[in-house]
């Protein structure tokens, strides 16, 4: 599988940003105020989903790191030999 495809890298960047923003939303907004389509919405609840926020933030960071490594130079093992 070719993981250096530009569409895959762009998708990883977009999803990484989305998950980081979602992690910030989990930290900042109580569960009762979350939109109903976001996992963790609990009507009338005033607690924050800290574990959801940490998981979302780490997933977003991992996706951005993946995209960053995919845009780097190819290693010696991947370069075709010229001899």
C-alpha atoms as a PDB file:
ATOM      1  CA  UNK A   1       0.000   0.000   0.000  1.00  0.00           C
ATOM      2  CA  UNK A   2       1.340   3.425  -0.949  1.00  0.00           C
ATOM      3  CA  UNK A   3       0.978   5.576   2.180  1.00  0.00           C
ATOM      4  CA  UNK A   4       2.576   8.612   0.514  1.00  0.00           C
ATOM      5  CA  UNK A   5      -0.489   9.334  -1.603  1.00  0.00           C
ATOM      6  CA  UNK A   6      -1.401  13.048  -1.382  1.00  0.00           C
ATOM      7  CA  UNK A   7      -5.095  12.325  -0.783  1.00  0.00           C
ATOM      8  CA  UNK A   8      -4.248  10.111   2.210  1.00  0.00           C
ATOM      9  CA  UNK A   9      -1.971  12.798   3.649  1.00  0.00           C
ATOM     10  CA  UNK A  10      -4.583  15.537   3.176  1.00  0.00           C
ATOM     11  CA  UNK A  11      -7.256  13.353   4.762  1.00  0.00           C
ATOM     12  CA  UNK A  12      -5.004  12.668   7.757  1.00  0.00           C
ATOM     13  CA  UNK A  13      -4.372  16.407   8.209  1.00  0.00           C
ATOM     14  CA  UNK A  14      -8.063  17.310   8.012  1.00  0.00           C
ATOM     15  CA  UNK A  15      -9.113  14.514  10.387  1.00  0.00           C
ATOM     16  CA  UNK A  16      -6.270  15.398  12.754  1.00  0.00           C
ATOM     17  CA  UNK A  17      -7.449  18.991  12.992  1.00  0.00           C
ATOM     18  CA  UNK A  18     -11.077  17.871  13.433  1.00  0.00           C
ATOM     19  CA  UNK A  19     -10.173  15.497  16.275  1.00  0.00           C
ATOM     20  CA  UNK A  20      -8.053  18.127  18.047  1.00  0.00           C
ATOM     21  CA  UNK A  21     -10.909  20.635  17.840  1.00  0.00           C
ATOM     22  CA  UNK A  22     -13.308  17.958  19.110  1.00  0.00           C
ATOM     23  CA  UNK A  23     -10.955  17.269  22.027  1.00  0.00           C
ATOM     24  CA  UNK A  24     -10.985  20.964  22.930  1.00  0.00           C
ATOM     25  CA  UNK A  25     -14.802  20.959  22.737  1.00  0.00           C
ATOM     26  CA  UNK A  26     -14.928  17.981  25.124  1.00  0.00           C
ATOM     27  CA  UNK A  27     -12.765  19.914  27.624  1.00  0.00           C
ATOM     28  CA  UNK A  28     -14.634  23.207  27.309  1.00  0.00           C
ATOM     29  CA  UNK A  29     -18.309  22.214  27.007  1.00  0.00           C
ATOM     30  CA  UNK A  30     -20.317  20.271  29.611  1.00  0.00           C
ATOM     31  CA  UNK A  31     -21.894  17.001  28.469  1.00  0.00           C
ATOM     32  CA  UNK A  32     -25.394  18.491  28.599  1.00  0.00           C
ATOM     33  CA  UNK A  33     -24.444  21.278  26.211  1.00  0.00           C
ATOM     34  CA  UNK A  34     -22.768  19.086  23.590  1.00  0.00           C
ATOM     35  CA  UNK A  35     -24.621  18.734  20.287  1.00  0.00           C
ATOM     36  CA  UNK A  36     -26.676  15.541  20.251  1.00  0.00           C
ATOM     37  CA  UNK A  37     -24.664  14.050  17.355  1.00  0.00           C
ATOM     38  CA  UNK A  38     -21.394  14.102  19.347  1.00  0.00           C
ATOM     39  CA  UNK A  39     -20.726  10.946  21.401  1.00  0.00           C
ATOM     40  CA  UNK A  40     -20.977  11.717  25.106  1.00  0.00           C
ATOM     41  CA  UNK A  41     -24.011  13.999  24.942  1.00  0.00           C
ATOM     42  CA  UNK A  42     -26.035  13.570  28.141  1.00  0.00           C
ATOM     43  CA  UNK A  43     -29.061  15.808  28.519  1.00  0.00           C
ATOM     44  CA  UNK A  44     -28.939  17.835  31.719  1.00  0.00           C
ATOM     45  CA  UNK A  45     -25.424  16.739  32.668  1.00  0.00           C
ATOM     46  CA  UNK A  46     -22.919  19.323  33.887  1.00  0.00           C
ATOM     47  CA  UNK A  47     -19.721  17.241  33.890  1.00  0.00           C
ATOM     48  CA  UNK A  48     -17.001  17.369  31.253  1.00  0.00           C
ATOM     49  CA  UNK A  49     -15.810  14.320  29.310  1.00  0.00           C
ATOM     50  CA  UNK A  50     -12.119  14.515  30.137  1.00  0.00           C
ATOM     51  CA  UNK A  51     -11.306  10.993  28.881  1.00  0.00           C
ATOM     52  CA  UNK A  52     -13.136  11.652  25.596  1.00  0.00           C
ATOM     53  CA  UNK A  53     -11.173  14.887  25.246  1.00  0.00           C
ATOM     54  CA  UNK A  54      -7.811  13.234  25.899  1.00  0.00           C
ATOM     55  CA  UNK A  55      -8.538  10.384  23.477  1.00  0.00           C
ATOM     56  CA  UNK A  56      -9.741  12.740  20.747  1.00  0.00           C
ATOM     57  CA  UNK A  57      -6.768  15.069  21.192  1.00  0.00           C
ATOM     58  CA  UNK A  58      -4.246  12.203  21.092  1.00  0.00           C
ATOM     59  CA  UNK A  59      -5.876  10.689  18.006  1.00  0.00           C
ATOM     60  CA  UNK A  60      -5.735  14.062  16.257  1.00  0.00           C
ATOM     61  CA  UNK A  61      -2.078  14.503  17.201  1.00  0.00           C
ATOM     62  CA  UNK A  62      -1.262  10.987  15.948  1.00  0.00           C
ATOM     63  CA  UNK A  63      -2.928  11.725  12.598  1.00  0.00           C
ATOM     64  CA  UNK A  64      -0.976  14.970  12.208  1.00  0.00           C
ATOM     65  CA  UNK A  65       2.286  13.202  13.096  1.00  0.00           C
ATOM     66  CA  UNK A  66       1.472  10.479  10.551  1.00  0.00           C
ATOM     67  CA  UNK A  67       0.916  13.122   7.860  1.00  0.00           C
ATOM     68  CA  UNK A  68       4.128  14.901   8.838  1.00  0.00           C
ATOM     69  CA  UNK A  69       6.210  11.727   8.525  1.00  0.00           C
ATOM     70  CA  UNK A  70       4.617  10.887   5.186  1.00  0.00           C
ATOM     71  CA  UNK A  71       5.682  14.221   3.714  1.00  0.00           C
ATOM     72  CA  UNK A  72       9.358  13.742   4.651  1.00  0.00           C
ATOM     73  CA  UNK A  73      12.155  12.454   2.468  1.00  0.00           C
ATOM     74  CA  UNK A  74      12.268   8.780   1.617  1.00  0.00           C
ATOM     75  CA  UNK A  75      14.652   6.691   3.697  1.00  0.00           C
ATOM     76  CA  UNK A  76      17.614   4.779   2.283  1.00  0.00           C
ATOM     77  CA  UNK A  77      15.712   1.475   2.345  1.00  0.00           C
ATOM     78  CA  UNK A  78      13.024   2.859   0.011  1.00  0.00           C
ATOM     79  CA  UNK A  79      15.371   4.381  -2.598  1.00  0.00           C
ATOM     80  CA  UNK A  80      15.944   2.263  -5.691  1.00  0.00           C
ATOM     81  CA  UNK A  81      19.524   1.169  -6.189  1.00  0.00           C
ATOM     82  CA  UNK A  82      21.181   2.633  -9.252  1.00  0.00           C
ATOM     83  CA  UNK A  83      23.733  -0.130  -9.748  1.00  0.00           C
END
